[in-house]
Amino acid sequence: MKKIGLLVFILLLTLCMGVPAFASTTNTFSTQAVAGIAQPQTNTQSSSPTTATNVPSIQPAVDNAVKIPKVSIDQATAWGQKKAYDVVHFLQKVIEPIAIIFFILCAVMSMAGSFGNSQLVGRGMWGMAISVVVYAGILYAPELMNFTVGWLASK
């Protein structure tokens, strides 16, 4: 059963690694080349005069559409990085106090284990070590993310 779990874990890690695709010709994309919506033809020559006068004129749907600005790959990358840093900042504010509380609880558990159950000392020490690593990861998350993005962007 452990072998199957390990195989599934390795398979999931392999699937998580994406292959980057880079644009080779231009960095600017636009919607200017998109053709407008085909307009229906009104029947001006009708056999009955009442149907020809009752046909309303159809306004093009493109006139009321929102104009999409031209965006370069660099601008999109900067926007994505800004949003990622916003998420990192939010997680720093939420997880930092949790790591500190966890460290204090593990220290209390380690101290209580020194008077009674000696297994609690080891568990408390491991908990404090894990909370220190998590706190350091939270503290340096923007730098770690910057390094990771730079490494992924390099060829």
C-alpha atoms as a PDB file:
ATOM      1  CA  MET A   1       0.000   0.000   0.000  1.00  0.00           C
ATOM      2  CA  LYS A   2       2.895   2.355   0.751  1.00  0.00           C
ATOM      3  CA  LYS A   3       4.363   1.726  -2.691  1.00  0.00           C
ATOM      4  CA  ILE A   4       1.110   2.737  -4.374  1.00  0.00           C
ATOM      5  CA  GLY A   5       0.920   5.906  -2.285  1.00  0.00           C
ATOM      6  CA  LEU A   6       4.512   6.766  -3.146  1.00  0.00           C
ATOM      7  CA  LEU A   7       3.831   6.110  -6.832  1.00  0.00           C
ATOM      8  CA  VAL A   8       0.748   8.352  -6.775  1.00  0.00           C
ATOM      9  CA  PHE A   9       2.716  11.073  -4.957  1.00  0.00           C
ATOM     10  CA  ILE A  10       5.534  10.961  -7.520  1.00  0.00           C
ATOM     11  CA  LEU A  11       3.000  10.983 -10.365  1.00  0.00           C
ATOM     12  CA  LEU A  12       1.263  14.054  -8.915  1.00  0.00           C
ATOM     13  CA  LEU A  13       4.576  15.869  -8.501  1.00  0.00           C
ATOM     14  CA  THR A  14       5.472  15.041 -12.089  1.00  0.00           C
ATOM     15  CA  LEU A  15       2.141  16.350 -13.349  1.00  0.00           C
ATOM     16  CA  CYS A  16       2.547  19.578 -11.362  1.00  0.00           C
ATOM     17  CA  MET A  17       5.694  20.507 -13.271  1.00  0.00           C
ATOM     18  CA  GLY A  18       4.595  22.562 -16.239  1.00  0.00           C
ATOM     19  CA  VAL A  19       6.515  23.139 -19.411  1.00  0.00           C
ATOM     20  CA  PRO A  20       6.853  26.864 -20.077  1.00  0.00           C
ATOM     21  CA  ALA A  21       5.947  28.135 -23.516  1.00  0.00           C
ATOM     22  CA  PHE A  22       7.569  31.343 -24.638  1.00  0.00           C
ATOM     23  CA  ALA A  23       6.333  33.662 -27.365  1.00  0.00           C
ATOM     24  CA  SER A  24       8.914  33.939 -30.099  1.00  0.00           C
ATOM     25  CA  THR A  25       7.663  36.652 -32.435  1.00  0.00           C
ATOM     26  CA  THR A  26       5.982  39.494 -30.594  1.00  0.00           C
ATOM     27  CA  ASN A  27       5.207  40.468 -27.040  1.00  0.00           C
ATOM     28  CA  THR A  28       2.078  42.497 -27.791  1.00  0.00           C
ATOM     29  CA  PHE A  29      -1.325  41.009 -28.439  1.00  0.00           C
ATOM     30  CA  SER A  30      -4.360  42.921 -29.580  1.00  0.00           C
ATOM     31  CA  THR A  31      -7.978  42.354 -30.419  1.00  0.00           C
ATOM     32  CA  GLN A  32      -7.926  44.863 -33.273  1.00  0.00           C
ATOM     33  CA  ALA A  33      -7.762  42.121 -35.905  1.00  0.00           C
ATOM     34  CA  VAL A  34     -10.955  40.456 -34.682  1.00  0.00           C
ATOM     35  CA  ALA A  35     -13.690  40.902 -37.261  1.00  0.00           C
ATOM     36  CA  GLY A  36     -16.922  42.549 -36.182  1.00  0.00           C
ATOM     37  CA  ILE A  37     -20.146  40.686 -35.635  1.00  0.00           C
ATOM     38  CA  ALA A  38     -21.939  39.925 -38.854  1.00  0.00           C
ATOM     39  CA  GLN A  39     -24.991  42.139 -39.145  1.00  0.00           C
ATOM     40  CA  PRO A  40     -28.269  40.635 -40.327  1.00  0.00           C
ATOM     41  CA  GLN A  41     -29.595  42.013 -43.561  1.00  0.00           C
ATOM     42  CA  THR A  42     -32.917  43.819 -43.382  1.00  0.00           C
ATOM     43  CA  ASN A  43     -35.423  42.989 -46.044  1.00  0.00           C
ATOM     44  CA  THR A  44     -36.093  46.318 -47.795  1.00  0.00           C
ATOM     45  CA  GLN A  45     -37.856  44.805 -50.782  1.00  0.00           C
ATOM     46  CA  SER A  46     -40.852  43.039 -49.391  1.00  0.00           C
ATOM     47  CA  SER A  47     -44.107  42.066 -50.974  1.00  0.00           C
ATOM     48  CA  SER A  48     -46.123  43.689 -48.226  1.00  0.00           C
ATOM     49  CA  PRO A  49     -45.443  47.340 -47.311  1.00  0.00           C
ATOM     50  CA  THR A  50     -46.328  46.800 -43.639  1.00  0.00           C
ATOM     51  CA  THR A  51     -43.448  44.384 -43.002  1.00  0.00           C
ATOM     52  CA  ALA A  52     -40.860  46.662 -44.637  1.00  0.00           C
ATOM     53  CA  THR A  53     -41.768  49.640 -42.454  1.00  0.00           C
ATOM     54  CA  ASN A  54     -41.976  47.622 -39.222  1.00  0.00           C
ATOM     55  CA  VAL A  55     -38.404  46.292 -39.435  1.00  0.00           C
ATOM     56  CA  PRO A  56     -36.328  48.105 -36.796  1.00  0.00           C
ATOM     57  CA  SER A  57     -32.788  49.160 -37.540  1.00  0.00           C
ATOM     58  CA  ILE A  58     -30.234  46.992 -35.769  1.00  0.00           C
ATOM     59  CA  GLN A  59     -27.349  48.768 -34.029  1.00  0.00           C
ATOM     60  CA  PRO A  60     -24.020  47.000 -34.224  1.00  0.00           C
ATOM     61  CA  ALA A  61     -23.121  45.184 -31.021  1.00  0.00           C
ATOM     62  CA  VAL A  62     -19.476  46.157 -31.414  1.00  0.00           C
ATOM     63  CA  ASP A  63     -20.202  49.865 -30.792  1.00  0.00           C
ATOM     64  CA  ASN A  64     -21.289  49.197 -27.203  1.00  0.00           C
ATOM     65  CA  ALA A  65     -18.501  46.726 -26.464  1.00  0.00           C
ATOM     66  CA  VAL A  66     -15.742  47.482 -23.983  1.00  0.00           C
ATOM     67  CA  LYS A  67     -12.455  48.360 -25.629  1.00  0.00           C
ATOM     68  CA  ILE A  68      -9.735  45.920 -24.578  1.00  0.00           C
ATOM     69  CA  PRO A  69      -6.352  47.609 -24.233  1.00  0.00           C
ATOM     70  CA  LYS A  70      -3.164  46.248 -25.729  1.00  0.00           C
ATOM     71  CA  VAL A  71      -1.167  44.357 -23.111  1.00  0.00           C
ATOM     72  CA  SER A  72       2.391  43.130 -23.370  1.00  0.00           C
ATOM     73  CA  ILE A  73       3.705  39.934 -21.819  1.00  0.00           C
ATOM     74  CA  ASP A  74       5.825  41.990 -19.430  1.00  0.00           C
ATOM     75  CA  GLN A  75       2.770  43.889 -18.185  1.00  0.00           C
ATOM     76  CA  ALA A  76       0.841  40.657 -17.658  1.00  0.00           C
ATOM     77  CA  THR A  77       3.795  39.137 -15.791  1.00  0.00           C
ATOM     78  CA  ALA A  78       4.066  42.223 -13.562  1.00  0.00           C
ATOM     79  CA  TRP A  79       0.343  42.066 -12.797  1.00  0.00           C
ATOM     80  CA  GLY A  80       0.583  38.350 -11.952  1.00  0.00           C
ATOM     81  CA  GLN A  81       3.562  38.942  -9.674  1.00  0.00           C
ATOM     82  CA  LYS A  82       1.739  41.799  -7.932  1.00  0.00           C
ATOM     83  CA  LYS A  83      -1.248  39.559  -7.241  1.00  0.00           C
ATOM     84  CA  ALA A  84       1.025  36.752  -6.021  1.00  0.00           C
ATOM     85  CA  TYR A  85       2.755  39.146  -3.620  1.00  0.00           C
ATOM     86  CA  ASP A  86      -0.671  40.244  -2.358  1.00  0.00           C
ATOM     87  CA  VAL A  87      -1.498  36.610  -1.558  1.00  0.00           C
ATOM     88  CA  VAL A  88       1.896  36.129   0.146  1.00  0.00           C
ATOM     89  CA  HIS A  89       1.362  39.275   2.235  1.00  0.00           C
ATOM     90  CA  PHE A  90      -2.100  38.061   3.301  1.00  0.00           C
ATOM     91  CA  LEU A  91      -0.748  34.635   4.258  1.00  0.00           C
ATOM     92  CA  GLN A  92       2.074  36.284   6.212  1.00  0.00           C
ATOM     93  CA  LYS A  93      -0.457  38.203   8.286  1.00  0.00           C
ATOM     94  CA  VAL A  94      -2.541  35.082   8.949  1.00  0.00           C
ATOM     95  CA  ILE A  95       0.063  32.330   9.467  1.00  0.00           C
ATOM     96  CA  GLU A  96       2.745  34.281  11.379  1.00  0.00           C
ATOM     97  CA  PRO A  97       0.717  34.454  14.648  1.00  0.00           C
ATOM     98  CA  ILE A  98      -0.252  30.796  14.260  1.00  0.00           C
ATOM     99  CA  ALA A  99       3.421  29.790  14.022  1.00  0.00           C
ATOM    100  CA  ILE A 100       4.240  31.821  17.143  1.00  0.00           C
ATOM    101  CA  ILE A 101       1.356  30.277  19.103  1.00  0.00           C
ATOM    102  CA  PHE A 102       2.401  26.798  17.933  1.00  0.00           C
ATOM    103  CA  PHE A 103       5.970  27.451  19.111  1.00  0.00           C
ATOM    104  CA  ILE A 104       4.750  28.524  22.559  1.00  0.00           C
ATOM    105  CA  LEU A 105       2.461  25.479  22.869  1.00  0.00           C
ATOM    106  CA  CYS A 106       5.302  23.141  21.885  1.00  0.00           C
ATOM    107  CA  ALA A 107       7.605  24.821  24.432  1.00  0.00           C
ATOM    108  CA  VAL A 108       4.979  24.303  27.136  1.00  0.00           C
ATOM    109  CA  MET A 109       4.574  20.673  26.024  1.00  0.00           C
ATOM    110  CA  SER A 110       8.334  20.155  26.187  1.00  0.00           C
ATOM    111  CA  MET A 111       8.499  21.707  29.654  1.00  0.00           C
ATOM    112  CA  ALA A 112       5.583  19.576  30.872  1.00  0.00           C
ATOM    113  CA  GLY A 113       7.289  16.499  29.459  1.00  0.00           C
ATOM    114  CA  SER A 114      10.396  17.185  31.517  1.00  0.00           C
ATOM    115  CA  PHE A 115       8.340  16.672  34.695  1.00  0.00           C
ATOM    116  CA  GLY A 116       6.331  13.668  33.561  1.00  0.00           C
ATOM    117  CA  ASN A 117       6.228  11.892  30.200  1.00  0.00           C
ATOM    118  CA  SER A 118       9.647  12.016  28.546  1.00  0.00           C
ATOM    119  CA  GLN A 119       8.156  11.457  25.071  1.00  0.00           C
ATOM    120  CA  LEU A 120       6.598  14.914  25.242  1.00  0.00           C
ATOM    121  CA  VAL A 121      10.064  16.491  25.418  1.00  0.00           C
ATOM    122  CA  GLY A 122      11.029  15.119  21.993  1.00  0.00           C
ATOM    123  CA  ARG A 123       7.661  15.982  20.479  1.00  0.00           C
ATOM    124  CA  GLY A 124       7.868  19.513  21.862  1.00  0.00           C
ATOM    125  CA  MET A 125      11.377  19.978  20.480  1.00  0.00           C
ATOM    126  CA  TRP A 126      10.314  18.745  17.033  1.00  0.00           C
ATOM    127  CA  GLY A 127       7.278  21.024  17.140  1.00  0.00           C
ATOM    128  CA  MET A 128       9.431  24.023  18.025  1.00  0.00           C
ATOM    129  CA  ALA A 129      11.878  23.185  15.221  1.00  0.00           C
ATOM    130  CA  ILE A 130       9.038  22.907  12.698  1.00  0.00           C
ATOM    131  CA  SER A 131       7.489  26.172  13.861  1.00  0.00           C
ATOM    132  CA  VAL A 132      10.867  27.960  13.540  1.00  0.00           C
ATOM    133  CA  VAL A 133      11.241  26.685   9.952  1.00  0.00           C
ATOM    134  CA  VAL A 134       7.674  27.749   9.120  1.00  0.00           C
ATOM    135  CA  TYR A 135       8.230  31.177  10.692  1.00  0.00           C
ATOM    136  CA  ALA A 136      11.455  31.663   8.713  1.00  0.00           C
ATOM    137  CA  GLY A 137       9.648  30.618   5.531  1.00  0.00           C
ATOM    138  CA  ILE A 138       6.879  33.115   6.249  1.00  0.00           C
ATOM    139  CA  LEU A 139       9.322  35.886   7.113  1.00  0.00           C
ATOM    140  CA  TYR A 140      11.335  35.449   3.906  1.00  0.00           C
ATOM    141  CA  ALA A 141       8.424  34.439   1.638  1.00  0.00           C
ATOM    142  CA  PRO A 142       8.748  37.414  -0.772  1.00  0.00           C
ATOM    143  CA  GLU A 143      12.469  36.761  -1.250  1.00  0.00           C
ATOM    144  CA  LEU A 144      11.884  33.040  -1.706  1.00  0.00           C
ATOM    145  CA  MET A 145       9.126  33.724  -4.219  1.00  0.00           C
ATOM    146  CA  ASN A 146      11.321  36.218  -6.082  1.00  0.00           C
ATOM    147  CA  PHE A 147      14.097  33.625  -6.284  1.00  0.00           C
ATOM    148  CA  THR A 148      11.695  30.930  -7.478  1.00  0.00           C
ATOM    149  CA  VAL A 149      10.137  33.148 -10.149  1.00  0.00           C
ATOM    150  CA  GLY A 150      13.586  34.210 -11.350  1.00  0.00           C
ATOM    151  CA  TRP A 151      14.709  30.595 -11.518  1.00  0.00           C
ATOM    152  CA  LEU A 152      11.601  29.554 -13.434  1.00  0.00           C
ATOM    153  CA  ALA A 153      11.919  32.482 -15.852  1.00  0.00           C
ATOM    154  CA  SER A 154      15.571  31.766 -16.652  1.00  0.00           C
ATOM    155  CA  LYS A 155      16.297  29.688 -19.695  1.00  0.00           C
END
